[in-house]
Amino acid sequence: MVKTELERLSERSERQLLELERECIRFLELRNRLAHGDLDEAERERLEGDLYAQLTQLESAAEVARDGMDAVTEALPDDDE
């Protein structure tokens, strides 16, 4: 079966949204460890660095997912068609 451009874009967008979801979960896990962990100073600093890096990754994943959703929207047929 040959997929339409819209189907292909929709599948890619879904994969991008799942990746964003995984990045969100990772961020929340790190945040929870920082908020509720009994950490020494070195571990706290390491986790804070990881959390900062994860925020950067989360921003990147969100941008990719947003672009994917935009591509799907642009591929939708016009209401006039």
PDB file of N, CA and C in Angstrom:
ATOM      1  N   MET A   1       0.847  -1.183   0.000  1.00  0.00           N
ATOM      2  CA  MET A   1       0.000   0.000   0.000  1.00  0.00           C
ATOM      3  C   MET A   1       0.890   1.243   0.000  1.00  0.00           C
ATOM      4  N   VAL A   2       0.570   2.159  -0.829  1.00  0.00           N
ATOM      5  CA  VAL A   2       1.296   3.421  -0.900  1.00  0.00           C
ATOM      6  C   VAL A   2       0.615   4.410   0.045  1.00  0.00           C
ATOM      7  N   LYS A   3       1.408   4.956   0.936  1.00  0.00           N
ATOM      8  CA  LYS A   3       0.854   5.915   1.891  1.00  0.00           C
ATOM      9  C   LYS A   3       0.776   7.292   1.251  1.00  0.00           C
ATOM     10  N   THR A   4      -0.257   8.001   1.639  1.00  0.00           N
ATOM     11  CA  THR A   4      -0.372   9.379   1.180  1.00  0.00           C
ATOM     12  C   THR A   4       0.612  10.243   1.960  1.00  0.00           C
ATOM     13  N   GLU A   5       0.871  11.400   1.430  1.00  0.00           N
ATOM     14  CA  GLU A   5       1.758  12.353   2.107  1.00  0.00           C
ATOM     15  C   GLU A   5       1.209  12.694   3.491  1.00  0.00           C
ATOM     16  N   LEU A   6      -0.081  12.871   3.598  1.00  0.00           N
ATOM     17  CA  LEU A   6      -0.697  13.192   4.880  1.00  0.00           C
ATOM     18  C   LEU A   6      -0.510  12.053   5.879  1.00  0.00           C
ATOM     19  N   GLU A   7      -0.683  10.811   5.439  1.00  0.00           N
ATOM     20  CA  GLU A   7      -0.482   9.660   6.331  1.00  0.00           C
ATOM     21  C   GLU A   7       0.964   9.590   6.810  1.00  0.00           C
ATOM     22  N   ARG A   8       1.878   9.799   5.898  1.00  0.00           N
ATOM     23  CA  ARG A   8       3.295   9.755   6.245  1.00  0.00           C
ATOM     24  C   ARG A   8       3.649  10.858   7.250  1.00  0.00           C
ATOM     25  N   LEU A   9       3.151  12.064   6.995  1.00  0.00           N
ATOM     26  CA  LEU A   9       3.405  13.173   7.909  1.00  0.00           C
ATOM     27  C   LEU A   9       2.759  12.934   9.271  1.00  0.00           C
ATOM     28  N   SER A  10       1.564  12.359   9.270  1.00  0.00           N
ATOM     29  CA  SER A  10       0.870  12.074  10.528  1.00  0.00           C
ATOM     30  C   SER A  10       1.633  11.053  11.362  1.00  0.00           C
ATOM     31  N   GLU A  11       2.146  10.019  10.719  1.00  0.00           N
ATOM     32  CA  GLU A  11       2.920   9.006  11.439  1.00  0.00           C
ATOM     33  C   GLU A  11       4.204   9.600  12.009  1.00  0.00           C
ATOM     34  N   ARG A  12       4.861  10.429  11.212  1.00  0.00           N
ATOM     35  CA  ARG A  12       6.085  11.064  11.694  1.00  0.00           C
ATOM     36  C   ARG A  12       5.773  11.996  12.862  1.00  0.00           C
ATOM     37  N   SER A  13       4.696  12.736  12.762  1.00  0.00           N
ATOM     38  CA  SER A  13       4.294  13.639  13.838  1.00  0.00           C
ATOM     39  C   SER A  13       4.002  12.856  15.114  1.00  0.00           C
ATOM     40  N   GLU A  14       3.357  11.715  14.982  1.00  0.00           N
ATOM     41  CA  GLU A  14       3.062  10.879  16.155  1.00  0.00           C
ATOM     42  C   GLU A  14       4.353  10.410  16.813  1.00  0.00           C
ATOM     43  N   ARG A  15       5.334   9.996  16.021  1.00  0.00           N
ATOM     44  CA  ARG A  15       6.632   9.589  16.583  1.00  0.00           C
ATOM     45  C   ARG A  15       7.302  10.752  17.310  1.00  0.00           C
ATOM     46  N   GLN A  16       7.203  11.933  16.739  1.00  0.00           N
ATOM     47  CA  GLN A  16       7.800  13.114  17.362  1.00  0.00           C
ATOM     48  C   GLN A  16       7.103  13.452  18.676  1.00  0.00           C
ATOM     49  N   LEU A  17       5.797  13.301  18.716  1.00  0.00           N
ATOM     50  CA  LEU A  17       5.060  13.555  19.956  1.00  0.00           C
ATOM     51  C   LEU A  17       5.408  12.526  21.029  1.00  0.00           C
ATOM     52  N   LEU A  18       5.607  11.282  20.623  1.00  0.00           N
ATOM     53  CA  LEU A  18       6.020  10.258  21.587  1.00  0.00           C
ATOM     54  C   LEU A  18       7.411  10.555  22.141  1.00  0.00           C
ATOM     55  N   GLU A  19       8.298  11.034  21.300  1.00  0.00           N
ATOM     56  CA  GLU A  19       9.631  11.422  21.756  1.00  0.00           C
ATOM     57  C   GLU A  19       9.538  12.589  22.742  1.00  0.00           C
ATOM     58  N   LEU A  20       8.695  13.548  22.462  1.00  0.00           N
ATOM     59  CA  LEU A  20       8.485  14.662  23.379  1.00  0.00           C
ATOM     60  C   LEU A  20       7.943  14.156  24.716  1.00  0.00           C
ATOM     61  N   GLU A  21       7.036  13.214  24.665  1.00  0.00           N
ATOM     62  CA  GLU A  21       6.492  12.623  25.888  1.00  0.00           C
ATOM     63  C   GLU A  21       7.600  11.975  26.712  1.00  0.00           C
ATOM     64  N   ARG A  22       8.486  11.226  26.060  1.00  0.00           N
ATOM     65  CA  ARG A  22       9.606  10.595  26.777  1.00  0.00           C
ATOM     66  C   ARG A  22      10.518  11.646  27.403  1.00  0.00           C
ATOM     67  N   GLU A  23      10.762  12.723  26.685  1.00  0.00           N
ATOM     68  CA  GLU A  23      11.607  13.794  27.220  1.00  0.00           C
ATOM     69  C   GLU A  23      10.943  14.458  28.426  1.00  0.00           C
ATOM     70  N   CYS A  24       9.632  14.629  28.382  1.00  0.00           N
ATOM     71  CA  CYS A  24       8.900  15.192  29.522  1.00  0.00           C
ATOM     72  C   CYS A  24       9.007  14.284  30.743  1.00  0.00           C
ATOM     73  N   ILE A  25       8.856  12.998  30.525  1.00  0.00           N
ATOM     74  CA  ILE A  25       8.957  12.036  31.626  1.00  0.00           C
ATOM     75  C   ILE A  25      10.345  12.085  32.244  1.00  0.00           C
ATOM     76  N   ARG A  26      11.358  12.124  31.403  1.00  0.00           N
ATOM     77  CA  ARG A  26      12.737  12.203  31.903  1.00  0.00           C
ATOM     78  C   ARG A  26      12.936  13.468  32.737  1.00  0.00           C
ATOM     79  N   PHE A  27      12.426  14.598  32.267  1.00  0.00           N
ATOM     80  CA  PHE A  27      12.522  15.844  33.022  1.00  0.00           C
ATOM     81  C   PHE A  27      11.846  15.701  34.385  1.00  0.00           C
ATOM     82  N   LEU A  28      10.642  15.157  34.394  1.00  0.00           N
ATOM     83  CA  LEU A  28       9.906  15.005  35.650  1.00  0.00           C
ATOM     84  C   LEU A  28      10.617  14.059  36.614  1.00  0.00           C
ATOM     85  N   GLU A  29      11.226  13.009  36.090  1.00  0.00           N
ATOM     86  CA  GLU A  29      11.993  12.097  36.942  1.00  0.00           C
ATOM     87  C   GLU A  29      13.156  12.825  37.604  1.00  0.00           C
ATOM     88  N   LEU A  30      13.891  13.604  36.819  1.00  0.00           N
ATOM     89  CA  LEU A  30      15.014  14.363  37.378  1.00  0.00           C
ATOM     90  C   LEU A  30      14.528  15.375  38.411  1.00  0.00           C
ATOM     91  N   ARG A  31      13.463  16.072  38.082  1.00  0.00           N
ATOM     92  CA  ARG A  31      12.911  17.078  39.003  1.00  0.00           C
ATOM     93  C   ARG A  31      12.465  16.429  40.304  1.00  0.00           C
ATOM     94  N   ASN A  32      11.851  15.278  40.211  1.00  0.00           N
ATOM     95  CA  ASN A  32      11.400  14.563  41.401  1.00  0.00           C
ATOM     96  C   ASN A  32      12.587  14.130  42.260  1.00  0.00           C
ATOM     97  N   ARG A  33      13.636  13.637  41.630  1.00  0.00           N
ATOM     98  CA  ARG A  33      14.826  13.228  42.385  1.00  0.00           C
ATOM     99  C   ARG A  33      15.445  14.416  43.105  1.00  0.00           C
ATOM    100  N   LEU A  34      15.461  15.565  42.456  1.00  0.00           N
ATOM    101  CA  LEU A  34      15.997  16.763  43.100  1.00  0.00           C
ATOM    102  C   LEU A  34      15.115  17.219  44.258  1.00  0.00           C
ATOM    103  N   ALA A  35      13.825  17.165  44.069  1.00  0.00           N
ATOM    104  CA  ALA A  35      12.895  17.667  45.077  1.00  0.00           C
ATOM    105  C   ALA A  35      12.774  16.749  46.282  1.00  0.00           C
ATOM    106  N   HIS A  36      12.930  15.452  46.076  1.00  0.00           N
ATOM    107  CA  HIS A  36      12.631  14.509  47.149  1.00  0.00           C
ATOM    108  C   HIS A  36      13.800  13.626  47.552  1.00  0.00           C
ATOM    109  N   GLY A  37      14.934  13.819  46.908  1.00  0.00           N
ATOM    110  CA  GLY A  37      16.073  12.967  47.224  1.00  0.00           C
ATOM    111  C   GLY A  37      16.898  13.525  48.372  1.00  0.00           C
ATOM    112  N   ASP A  38      17.484  12.625  49.125  1.00  0.00           N
ATOM    113  CA  ASP A  38      18.429  12.999  50.178  1.00  0.00           C
ATOM    114  C   ASP A  38      19.805  13.000  49.522  1.00  0.00           C
ATOM    115  N   LEU A  39      20.205  14.155  48.994  1.00  0.00           N
ATOM    116  CA  LEU A  39      21.379  14.237  48.141  1.00  0.00           C
ATOM    117  C   LEU A  39      22.508  15.000  48.819  1.00  0.00           C
ATOM    118  N   ASP A  40      23.724  14.533  48.571  1.00  0.00           N
ATOM    119  CA  ASP A  40      24.861  15.341  49.010  1.00  0.00           C
ATOM    120  C   ASP A  40      25.076  16.447  47.974  1.00  0.00           C
ATOM    121  N   GLU A  41      25.967  17.366  48.279  1.00  0.00           N
ATOM    122  CA  GLU A  41      26.158  18.535  47.418  1.00  0.00           C
ATOM    123  C   GLU A  41      26.591  18.154  46.007  1.00  0.00           C
ATOM    124  N   ALA A  42      27.495  17.212  45.885  1.00  0.00           N
ATOM    125  CA  ALA A  42      27.991  16.806  44.567  1.00  0.00           C
ATOM    126  C   ALA A  42      26.872  16.180  43.728  1.00  0.00           C
ATOM    127  N   GLU A  43      26.064  15.327  44.348  1.00  0.00           N
ATOM    128  CA  GLU A  43      24.956  14.687  43.627  1.00  0.00           C
ATOM    129  C   GLU A  43      23.914  15.726  43.221  1.00  0.00           C
ATOM    130  N   ARG A  44      23.627  16.660  44.116  1.00  0.00           N
ATOM    131  CA  ARG A  44      22.663  17.722  43.797  1.00  0.00           C
ATOM    132  C   ARG A  44      23.160  18.546  42.606  1.00  0.00           C
ATOM    133  N   GLU A  45      24.426  18.912  42.610  1.00  0.00           N
ATOM    134  CA  GLU A  45      24.980  19.693  41.501  1.00  0.00           C
ATOM    135  C   GLU A  45      24.922  18.910  40.189  1.00  0.00           C
ATOM    136  N   ARG A  46      25.210  17.614  40.251  1.00  0.00           N
ATOM    137  CA  ARG A  46      25.149  16.791  39.048  1.00  0.00           C
ATOM    138  C   ARG A  46      23.721  16.724  38.509  1.00  0.00           C
ATOM    139  N   LEU A  47      22.769  16.509  39.416  1.00  0.00           N
ATOM    140  CA  LEU A  47      21.369  16.438  38.989  1.00  0.00           C
ATOM    141  C   LEU A  47      20.877  17.782  38.450  1.00  0.00           C
ATOM    142  N   GLU A  48      21.316  18.874  39.050  1.00  0.00           N
ATOM    143  CA  GLU A  48      20.931  20.190  38.539  1.00  0.00           C
ATOM    144  C   GLU A  48      21.466  20.393  37.120  1.00  0.00           C
ATOM    145  N   GLY A  49      22.694  19.947  36.882  1.00  0.00           N
ATOM    146  CA  GLY A  49      23.254  20.016  35.529  1.00  0.00           C
ATOM    147  C   GLY A  49      22.475  19.148  34.558  1.00  0.00           C
ATOM    148  N   ASP A  50      22.124  17.942  35.009  1.00  0.00           N
ATOM    149  CA  ASP A  50      21.320  17.045  34.167  1.00  0.00           C
ATOM    150  C   ASP A  50      19.952  17.658  33.866  1.00  0.00           C
ATOM    151  N   LEU A  51      19.359  18.295  34.872  1.00  0.00           N
ATOM    152  CA  LEU A  51      18.050  18.915  34.693  1.00  0.00           C
ATOM    153  C   LEU A  51      18.129  20.056  33.676  1.00  0.00           C
ATOM    154  N   TYR A  52      19.166  20.859  33.771  1.00  0.00           N
ATOM    155  CA  TYR A  52      19.352  21.954  32.820  1.00  0.00           C
ATOM    156  C   TYR A  52      19.517  21.404  31.402  1.00  0.00           C
ATOM    157  N   ALA A  53      20.335  20.382  31.268  1.00  0.00           N
ATOM    158  CA  ALA A  53      20.536  19.762  29.950  1.00  0.00           C
ATOM    159  C   ALA A  53      19.226  19.174  29.431  1.00  0.00           C
ATOM    160  N   GLN A  54      18.446  18.589  30.323  1.00  0.00           N
ATOM    161  CA  GLN A  54      17.174  18.000  29.920  1.00  0.00           C
ATOM    162  C   GLN A  54      16.199  19.067  29.447  1.00  0.00           C
ATOM    163  N   LEU A  55      16.227  20.235  30.069  1.00  0.00           N
ATOM    164  CA  LEU A  55      15.376  21.335  29.607  1.00  0.00           C
ATOM    165  C   LEU A  55      15.724  21.727  28.177  1.00  0.00           C
ATOM    166  N   THR A  56      17.009  21.756  27.876  1.00  0.00           N
ATOM    167  CA  THR A  56      17.445  22.063  26.518  1.00  0.00           C
ATOM    168  C   THR A  56      16.943  20.999  25.550  1.00  0.00           C
ATOM    169  N   GLN A  57      17.052  19.737  25.941  1.00  0.00           N
ATOM    170  CA  GLN A  57      16.570  18.638  25.104  1.00  0.00           C
ATOM    171  C   GLN A  57      15.057  18.717  24.927  1.00  0.00           C
ATOM    172  N   LEU A  58      14.367  19.075  25.990  1.00  0.00           N
ATOM    173  CA  LEU A  58      12.915  19.205  25.945  1.00  0.00           C
ATOM    174  C   LEU A  58      12.499  20.318  24.977  1.00  0.00           C
ATOM    175  N   GLU A  59      13.200  21.431  25.016  1.00  0.00           N
ATOM    176  CA  GLU A  59      12.914  22.522  24.078  1.00  0.00           C
ATOM    177  C   GLU A  59      13.102  22.068  22.636  1.00  0.00           C
ATOM    178  N   SER A  60      14.162  21.339  22.391  1.00  0.00           N
ATOM    179  CA  SER A  60      14.445  20.845  21.041  1.00  0.00           C
ATOM    180  C   SER A  60      13.364  19.873  20.575  1.00  0.00           C
ATOM    181  N   ALA A  61      12.998  18.937  21.443  1.00  0.00           N
ATOM    182  CA  ALA A  61      11.965  17.957  21.088  1.00  0.00           C
ATOM    183  C   ALA A  61      10.622  18.646  20.853  1.00  0.00           C
ATOM    184  N   ALA A  62      10.323  19.682  21.645  1.00  0.00           N
ATOM    185  CA  ALA A  62       9.068  20.415  21.468  1.00  0.00           C
ATOM    186  C   ALA A  62       9.049  21.139  20.128  1.00  0.00           C
ATOM    187  N   GLU A  63      10.170  21.713  19.749  1.00  0.00           N
ATOM    188  CA  GLU A  63      10.241  22.416  18.465  1.00  0.00           C
ATOM    189  C   GLU A  63      10.035  21.446  17.301  1.00  0.00           C
ATOM    190  N   VAL A  64      10.665  20.284  17.371  1.00  0.00           N
ATOM    191  CA  VAL A  64      10.514  19.280  16.316  1.00  0.00           C
ATOM    192  C   VAL A  64       9.059  18.808  16.239  1.00  0.00           C
ATOM    193  N   ALA A  65       8.449  18.550  17.399  1.00  0.00           N
ATOM    194  CA  ALA A  65       7.055  18.096  17.425  1.00  0.00           C
ATOM    195  C   ALA A  65       6.119  19.173  16.881  1.00  0.00           C
ATOM    196  N   ARG A  66       6.372  20.410  17.246  1.00  0.00           N
ATOM    197  CA  ARG A  66       5.548  21.518  16.758  1.00  0.00           C
ATOM    198  C   ARG A  66       5.666  21.653  15.237  1.00  0.00           C
ATOM    199  N   ASP A  67       6.880  21.539  14.727  1.00  0.00           N
ATOM    200  CA  ASP A  67       7.081  21.597  13.274  1.00  0.00           C
ATOM    201  C   ASP A  67       6.359  20.449  12.572  1.00  0.00           C
ATOM    202  N   GLY A  68       6.385  19.262  13.195  1.00  0.00           N
ATOM    203  CA  GLY A  68       5.683  18.117  12.620  1.00  0.00           C
ATOM    204  C   GLY A  68       4.182  18.326  12.578  1.00  0.00           C
ATOM    205  N   MET A  69       3.647  18.893  13.652  1.00  0.00           N
ATOM    206  CA  MET A  69       2.213  19.172  13.678  1.00  0.00           C
ATOM    207  C   MET A  69       1.850  20.227  12.641  1.00  0.00           C
ATOM    208  N   ASP A  70       2.706  21.220  12.484  1.00  0.00           N
ATOM    209  CA  ASP A  70       2.470  22.239  11.457  1.00  0.00           C
ATOM    210  C   ASP A  70       2.456  21.622  10.062  1.00  0.00           C
ATOM    211  N   ALA A  71       3.364  20.679   9.815  1.00  0.00           N
ATOM    212  CA  ALA A  71       3.425  20.024   8.503  1.00  0.00           C
ATOM    213  C   ALA A  71       2.141  19.246   8.225  1.00  0.00           C
ATOM    214  N   VAL A  72       1.612  18.579   9.243  1.00  0.00           N
ATOM    215  CA  VAL A  72       0.352  17.847   9.074  1.00  0.00           C
ATOM    216  C   VAL A  72      -0.775  18.825   8.767  1.00  0.00           C
ATOM    217  N   THR A  73      -0.837  19.901   9.519  1.00  0.00           N
ATOM    218  CA  THR A  73      -1.884  20.901   9.300  1.00  0.00           C
ATOM    219  C   THR A  73      -1.820  21.480   7.894  1.00  0.00           C
ATOM    220  N   GLU A  74      -0.611  21.770   7.436  1.00  0.00           N
ATOM    221  CA  GLU A  74      -0.446  22.325   6.094  1.00  0.00           C
ATOM    222  C   GLU A  74      -0.830  21.320   5.009  1.00  0.00           C
ATOM    223  N   ALA A  75      -0.692  20.031   5.284  1.00  0.00           N
ATOM    224  CA  ALA A  75      -1.007  19.001   4.293  1.00  0.00           C
ATOM    225  C   ALA A  75      -2.496  18.673   4.237  1.00  0.00           C
ATOM    226  N   LEU A  76      -3.250  19.129   5.220  1.00  0.00           N
ATOM    227  CA  LEU A  76      -4.690  18.871   5.214  1.00  0.00           C
ATOM    228  C   LEU A  76      -5.338  19.574   4.028  1.00  0.00           C
ATOM    229  N   PRO A  77      -6.339  18.933   3.450  1.00  0.00           N
ATOM    230  CA  PRO A  77      -7.029  19.592   2.333  1.00  0.00           C
ATOM    231  C   PRO A  77      -7.768  20.835   2.831  1.00  0.00           C
ATOM    232  N   ASP A  78      -7.859  21.817   1.970  1.00  0.00           N
ATOM    233  CA  ASP A  78      -8.612  23.022   2.308  1.00  0.00           C
ATOM    234  C   ASP A  78     -10.082  22.666   2.441  1.00  0.00           C
ATOM    235  N   ASP A  79     -10.802  23.449   3.215  1.00  0.00           N
ATOM    236  CA  ASP A  79     -12.241  23.228   3.369  1.00  0.00           C
ATOM    237  C   ASP A  79     -12.982  23.390   2.049  1.00  0.00           C
ATOM    238  N   ASP A  80     -12.403  24.159   1.142  1.00  0.00           N
ATOM    239  CA  ASP A  80     -13.041  24.408  -0.156  1.00  0.00           C
ATOM    240  C   ASP A  80     -12.945  23.208  -1.089  1.00  0.00           C
ATOM    241  N   GLU A  81     -12.020  22.294  -0.804  1.00  0.00           N
ATOM    242  CA  GLU A  81     -11.793  21.160  -1.721  1.00  0.00           C
ATOM    243  C   GLU A  81     -12.764  20.046  -1.477  1.00  0.00           C
TER     244      GLU A  81
END
